[in-house]
Amino acid sequence: MMMNPPDLSSEPCHPDLLFMVLYARVTFPLPESRLLMLGELSHHVIMILKQLPRRNGSVLLMVTALAAFRLALIQLQVSSIKSDNLTRACGLVRKAAAQGAKIVSLPECFNSPYGTNYFPEYAEKIPGESTQKLSEVAKECSIYLIGGSIPEEDSGKLYNTHPGTVSYMLKGAYCRVGLGICYDIRFAELAQVYAQRGCQLLVYPGAFNLTTGPAHWELLQRGRAVDNQVYVATASPARDDKASYVAWGHSTVVSPWGEVLAKAGTEETIVYSDIDLEKVAEIRQQIPIFSQKRSDLYAVEAKKP
């Protein structure tokens, strides 16, 4: 029996991902073990099983044939000219979208040289020039654009800010995406909170240097990925050996299993990786750390600022 798919707009996965949808009739209640055996289902489908229409004690069970999207990380060569940085960043966003990217991330401080000493000159209000251009190119390309970070001025104070959501979590994207900036990746608790809230991808625009980069850049990404069974991506500026602060580069995507899926060198480039949400569900089924945590002994919880 075929039906129109239910509205999944409030679920972790974007409805655009659901195609070649099949329906099968399954009788409820299903034992928990039976739910866990449905390995071909991504977790967001299992979450909504009991919300689907029932008839004579049965339910229409939705099976997705594909739950994947392409992620692009733009490793931009940042100059001292803001307008040039914005123009080139938008051009690379268009190039990434043309290659099928659905979520695109810019690096930390993509519109200005890196360093707090540059903030007074380059800082702007949000919304402002940079956010306006990012909004326009995202709409033009029909993508979700993570705007790296930019220097922001607000009430006389300067910030290194994600242009975008205050909650730092994209809820309407192809999956829930947790955002951090650079140093945030060192704090395991933030990643744990994101995972508890249903994030399957964490993105950290960052600019490690030539000391911390080779020592910790990949190590921290793989740690956050394995600890939380999520994809982790980092978007760095390209390396400029003549800059006052030399970024490590090597923008990277890591799988929930801790594998490095894609990694840039030091030059300006775009890193692509296909994010397979079924892989998240598969790994979480094989190693069910979330259901086996000893919450009676320890817990991590988010606090309102």
Protein backbone atom coordinates (compact mmCIF):
# COMPACT_ATOMS: atom_id res chain seq x y z
CA MET A 1 0.00 0.00 0.00
CA MET A 2 1.44 3.38 -1.02
CA MET A 3 0.86 6.66 0.78
CA ASN A 4 2.24 10.17 0.65
CA PRO A 5 5.28 10.45 2.94
CA PRO A 6 4.62 12.08 6.33
CA ASP A 7 5.95 15.55 7.03
CA LEU A 8 9.47 15.14 8.43
CA SER A 9 10.33 18.82 8.66
CA SER A 10 10.71 18.60 12.43
CA GLU A 11 12.86 15.47 12.31
CA PRO A 12 16.70 15.40 12.33
CA CYS A 13 16.93 14.54 8.65
CA HIS A 14 15.78 16.87 5.87
CA PRO A 15 12.84 15.51 3.83
CA ASP A 16 14.68 16.20 0.57
CA LEU A 17 16.87 13.22 1.41
CA LEU A 18 13.95 10.80 1.32
CA PHE A 19 13.39 9.34 -2.08
CA MET A 20 12.57 5.94 -3.57
CA VAL A 21 10.46 5.52 -0.44
CA LEU A 22 9.07 2.07 0.26
CA TYR A 23 6.32 1.17 2.67
CA ALA A 24 5.72 -2.12 4.43
CA ARG A 25 3.03 -3.13 6.87
CA VAL A 26 4.32 -4.03 10.32
CA THR A 27 2.23 -4.99 13.34
CA PHE A 28 2.78 -3.14 16.61
CA PRO A 29 3.91 -3.41 19.26
CA LEU A 30 7.33 -4.39 17.99
CA PRO A 31 9.76 -5.72 20.62
CA GLU A 32 12.78 -3.50 21.17
CA SER A 33 15.06 -6.20 19.76
CA ARG A 34 13.10 -6.12 16.52
CA LEU A 35 13.58 -2.37 16.22
CA LEU A 36 17.31 -2.78 16.70
CA MET A 37 17.44 -5.39 13.95
CA LEU A 38 16.14 -2.95 11.36
CA GLY A 39 19.67 -2.05 10.34
CA GLU A 40 18.60 -0.67 6.98
CA LEU A 41 16.72 2.13 8.73
CA SER A 42 18.38 5.32 9.84
CA HIS A 43 17.62 6.27 13.45
CA HIS A 44 15.37 9.18 12.54
CA VAL A 45 13.02 6.76 10.78
CA ILE A 46 12.85 4.52 13.85
CA MET A 47 12.04 7.59 15.96
CA ILE A 48 8.89 8.31 13.95
CA LEU A 49 7.53 4.79 13.49
CA LYS A 50 4.81 5.20 16.07
CA GLN A 51 3.68 8.49 14.52
CA LEU A 52 2.75 6.95 11.18
CA PRO A 53 -0.89 6.13 10.29
CA ARG A 54 -2.25 2.92 11.81
CA ARG A 55 -4.99 0.67 10.60
CA ASN A 56 -6.26 -2.48 12.36
CA GLY A 57 -3.36 -2.55 14.78
CA SER A 58 -0.71 -2.10 12.11
CA VAL A 59 1.50 0.75 11.02
CA LEU A 60 3.01 1.84 7.75
CA LEU A 61 6.75 1.54 8.18
CA MET A 62 8.87 3.87 6.05
CA VAL A 63 12.19 2.66 4.69
CA THR A 64 14.59 5.16 3.14
CA ALA A 65 16.74 4.02 0.25
CA LEU A 66 19.24 6.83 0.73
CA ALA A 67 20.15 9.26 3.49
CA ALA A 68 23.32 10.97 2.33
CA PHE A 69 24.51 14.37 1.16
CA ARG A 70 27.72 16.01 0.03
CA LEU A 71 29.66 18.27 2.39
CA ALA A 72 32.21 20.81 1.12
CA LEU A 73 34.89 22.60 3.15
CA ILE A 74 36.40 25.71 1.59
CA GLN A 75 40.04 26.20 2.50
CA LEU A 76 40.30 29.85 1.50
CA GLN A 77 43.51 31.80 0.97
CA VAL A 78 42.70 34.86 3.08
CA SER A 79 44.15 38.23 2.10
CA SER A 80 44.18 41.64 3.79
CA ILE A 81 41.45 42.93 1.44
CA LYS A 82 38.00 42.11 2.81
CA SER A 83 36.14 42.66 -0.46
CA ASP A 84 38.47 40.23 -2.26
CA ASN A 85 37.99 37.63 0.46
CA LEU A 86 34.21 37.91 0.17
CA THR A 87 34.26 37.72 -3.63
CA ARG A 88 36.53 34.68 -3.73
CA ALA A 89 34.67 32.94 -0.91
CA CYS A 90 31.35 33.34 -2.72
CA GLY A 91 32.93 32.11 -5.95
CA LEU A 92 34.19 28.95 -4.24
CA VAL A 93 30.79 28.42 -2.63
CA ARG A 94 29.22 28.46 -6.10
CA LYS A 95 31.86 26.01 -7.34
CA ALA A 96 31.16 23.65 -4.42
CA ALA A 97 27.42 23.81 -5.04
CA ALA A 98 27.99 23.05 -8.73
CA GLN A 99 29.78 19.88 -7.63
CA GLY A 100 26.74 18.76 -5.65
CA ALA A 101 27.55 20.05 -2.17
CA LYS A 102 24.45 20.61 -0.03
CA ILE A 103 26.21 21.90 3.10
CA VAL A 104 29.25 24.15 2.63
CA SER A 105 31.54 25.57 5.31
CA LEU A 106 33.93 28.50 5.16
CA PRO A 107 36.98 28.67 7.46
CA GLU A 108 37.52 30.66 10.62
CA CYS A 109 38.06 34.40 10.04
CA PHE A 110 37.53 33.97 6.31
CA ASN A 111 37.03 37.69 5.59
CA SER A 112 40.01 39.07 7.51
CA PRO A 113 43.59 38.24 8.46
CA TYR A 114 43.76 36.02 11.53
CA GLY A 115 44.46 37.73 14.86
CA THR A 116 42.62 39.84 17.41
CA ASN A 117 44.78 42.83 16.47
CA TYR A 118 42.89 42.92 13.14
CA PHE A 119 39.44 42.85 14.72
CA PRO A 120 38.97 46.62 15.24
CA GLU A 121 39.56 47.25 11.51
CA TYR A 122 37.61 44.32 10.08
CA ALA A 123 34.78 43.88 12.57
CA GLU A 124 31.22 44.53 11.41
CA LYS A 125 27.69 44.32 12.70
CA ILE A 126 25.58 41.20 12.18
CA PRO A 127 23.67 41.44 9.93
CA GLY A 128 26.19 43.33 7.83
CA GLU A 129 28.13 43.26 4.59
CA SER A 130 29.56 39.76 4.98
CA THR A 131 26.41 38.09 6.26
CA GLN A 132 24.36 39.71 3.51
CA LYS A 133 26.64 38.30 0.80
CA LEU A 134 26.65 34.86 2.42
CA SER A 135 22.88 34.87 2.67
CA GLU A 136 22.55 35.82 -0.98
CA VAL A 137 24.91 33.14 -2.28
CA ALA A 138 23.35 30.45 -0.07
CA LYS A 139 19.92 31.30 -1.44
CA GLU A 140 21.22 31.47 -5.00
CA CYS A 141 22.80 28.01 -4.71
CA SER A 142 20.03 26.45 -2.59
CA ILE A 143 22.51 25.21 0.02
CA TYR A 144 23.13 25.43 3.73
CA LEU A 145 26.17 27.67 4.22
CA ILE A 146 28.20 27.69 7.42
CA GLY A 147 29.86 31.08 7.40
CA GLY A 148 33.04 30.09 9.21
CA SER A 149 33.60 32.99 11.55
CA ILE A 150 34.04 36.75 11.17
CA PRO A 151 35.09 39.56 13.51
CA GLU A 152 31.90 41.07 14.93
CA GLU A 153 31.35 44.39 16.71
CA ASP A 154 28.42 44.58 19.09
CA SER A 155 27.87 47.35 21.64
CA GLY A 156 31.53 48.32 21.56
CA LYS A 157 32.77 44.75 22.11
CA LEU A 158 34.56 42.55 19.59
CA TYR A 159 33.84 38.87 18.98
CA ASN A 160 34.97 35.98 16.79
CA THR A 161 31.49 34.96 15.68
CA HIS A 162 29.69 32.32 13.65
CA PRO A 163 27.47 34.28 11.22
CA GLY A 164 24.20 32.47 11.77
CA THR A 165 22.05 30.78 14.35
CA VAL A 166 22.31 31.86 17.98
CA SER A 167 21.84 28.27 19.15
CA TYR A 168 24.90 27.19 17.12
CA MET A 169 22.96 24.19 15.84
CA LEU A 170 21.48 23.86 12.35
CA LYS A 171 18.14 22.10 12.80
CA GLY A 172 16.72 22.43 9.31
CA ALA A 173 19.67 21.04 7.39
CA TYR A 174 20.10 17.53 5.99
CA CYS A 175 20.88 16.41 9.51
CA ARG A 176 21.38 18.27 12.75
CA VAL A 177 24.74 20.01 12.64
CA GLY A 178 26.61 21.18 15.73
CA LEU A 179 28.91 24.17 15.26
CA GLY A 180 32.05 25.21 17.12
CA ILE A 181 34.98 27.52 16.42
CA CYS A 182 38.58 26.28 16.55
CA TYR A 183 39.42 25.99 20.28
CA ASP A 184 35.92 24.62 20.98
CA ILE A 185 37.02 21.26 19.59
CA ARG A 186 39.21 20.78 22.67
CA PHE A 187 36.14 20.61 24.91
CA ALA A 188 34.62 17.14 24.74
CA GLU A 189 31.56 18.24 26.70
CA LEU A 190 30.30 20.53 23.92
CA ALA A 191 30.45 17.69 21.41
CA GLN A 192 28.65 15.39 23.86
CA VAL A 193 25.84 17.89 24.30
CA TYR A 194 25.46 18.19 20.54
CA ALA A 195 25.31 14.40 20.20
CA GLN A 196 22.68 14.23 22.96
CA ARG A 197 20.62 16.74 20.97
CA GLY A 198 20.66 14.58 17.88
CA CYS A 199 23.58 16.02 15.89
CA GLN A 200 25.17 13.65 13.42
CA LEU A 201 27.74 16.11 12.05
CA LEU A 202 29.96 18.56 13.95
CA VAL A 203 31.67 21.34 12.02
CA TYR A 204 34.55 23.37 13.45
CA PRO A 205 35.91 26.24 11.35
CA GLY A 206 39.35 26.61 12.87
CA ALA A 207 42.90 27.84 12.38
CA PHE A 208 45.40 25.78 14.32
CA ASN A 209 49.01 26.88 13.88
CA LEU A 210 52.23 25.09 12.96
CA THR A 211 52.70 23.93 16.58
CA THR A 212 49.21 22.78 17.55
CA GLY A 213 48.28 21.68 14.02
CA PRO A 214 50.62 18.71 13.58
CA ALA A 215 50.20 17.70 17.22
CA HIS A 216 46.45 17.94 17.79
CA TRP A 217 44.41 18.90 14.69
CA GLU A 218 43.59 15.40 13.43
CA LEU A 219 43.82 13.79 16.86
CA LEU A 220 41.06 15.99 18.32
CA GLN A 221 38.80 15.48 15.32
CA ARG A 222 39.08 11.71 15.48
CA GLY A 223 38.54 11.79 19.24
CA ARG A 224 35.35 13.85 19.01
CA ALA A 225 34.10 11.61 16.17
CA VAL A 226 34.67 8.30 17.97
CA ASP A 227 33.50 9.54 21.38
CA ASN A 228 30.16 10.67 19.97
CA GLN A 229 29.78 8.48 16.87
CA VAL A 230 29.34 11.49 14.59
CA TYR A 231 31.01 12.94 11.53
CA VAL A 232 33.46 15.73 12.36
CA ALA A 233 34.66 18.33 9.86
CA THR A 234 37.16 21.16 10.22
CA ALA A 235 37.57 24.07 7.82
CA SER A 236 40.88 25.92 8.00
CA PRO A 237 42.21 28.90 6.07
CA ALA A 238 44.88 27.99 3.53
CA ARG A 239 48.44 28.41 4.73
CA ASP A 240 50.18 31.72 4.10
CA ASP A 241 53.80 31.53 5.22
CA LYS A 242 54.11 35.32 5.00
CA ALA A 243 51.20 36.04 7.35
CA SER A 244 51.70 37.13 10.95
CA TYR A 245 49.78 34.01 11.99
CA VAL A 246 50.44 30.92 9.86
CA ALA A 247 47.48 28.52 9.73
CA TRP A 248 48.06 24.78 9.59
CA GLY A 249 45.55 24.15 6.80
CA HIS A 250 44.61 20.49 6.23
CA SER A 251 40.82 20.90 6.38
CA THR A 252 39.50 17.44 7.21
CA VAL A 253 36.42 15.22 7.38
CA VAL A 254 36.38 12.29 9.81
CA SER A 255 33.81 9.46 9.96
CA PRO A 256 31.97 8.25 13.10
CA TRP A 257 34.43 5.32 13.08
CA GLY A 258 37.37 7.72 13.31
CA GLU A 259 38.51 7.31 9.71
CA VAL A 260 39.89 10.31 7.82
CA LEU A 261 37.60 10.47 4.78
CA ALA A 262 39.05 13.58 3.12
CA LYS A 263 41.93 15.90 3.90
CA ALA A 264 43.36 18.96 2.19
CA GLY A 265 46.96 19.98 1.92
CA THR A 266 47.99 23.54 2.74
CA GLU A 267 46.89 25.37 -0.43
CA GLU A 268 43.55 26.96 -1.30
CA THR A 269 41.15 24.19 -2.25
CA ILE A 270 37.72 22.65 -1.66
CA VAL A 271 37.44 19.38 0.26
CA TYR A 272 34.44 17.19 -0.54
CA SER A 273 33.03 14.27 1.38
CA ASP A 274 29.76 12.36 1.13
CA ILE A 275 28.09 12.17 4.53
CA ASP A 276 26.24 8.86 4.90
CA LEU A 277 23.76 9.05 7.77
CA GLU A 278 23.16 5.31 7.56
CA LYS A 279 26.78 4.87 8.66
CA VAL A 280 26.00 6.77 11.86
CA ALA A 281 23.04 4.48 12.59
CA GLU A 282 25.07 1.37 11.77
CA ILE A 283 27.94 2.27 14.09
CA ARG A 284 25.61 3.29 16.91
CA GLN A 285 23.86 -0.07 16.57
CA GLN A 286 27.13 -2.01 16.60
CA ILE A 287 28.53 -0.13 19.60
CA PRO A 288 25.51 1.26 21.54
CA ILE A 289 27.35 3.67 23.80
CA PHE A 290 24.35 5.98 24.22
CA SER A 291 22.12 3.28 25.73
CA GLN A 292 24.96 1.82 27.79
CA LYS A 293 26.20 5.01 29.44
CA ARG A 294 26.18 4.84 33.26
CA SER A 295 23.98 7.89 33.78
CA ASP A 296 23.65 6.85 37.41
CA LEU A 297 27.36 7.61 37.84
CA TYR A 298 28.06 10.52 35.47
CA ALA A 299 26.33 12.93 33.13
CA VAL A 300 26.99 15.90 30.85
CA GLU A 301 24.23 18.47 30.46
CA ALA A 302 23.86 21.79 28.71
CA LYS A 303 23.25 24.97 30.69
CA LYS A 304 21.52 28.12 29.54
CA PRO A 305 23.93 31.08 29.33
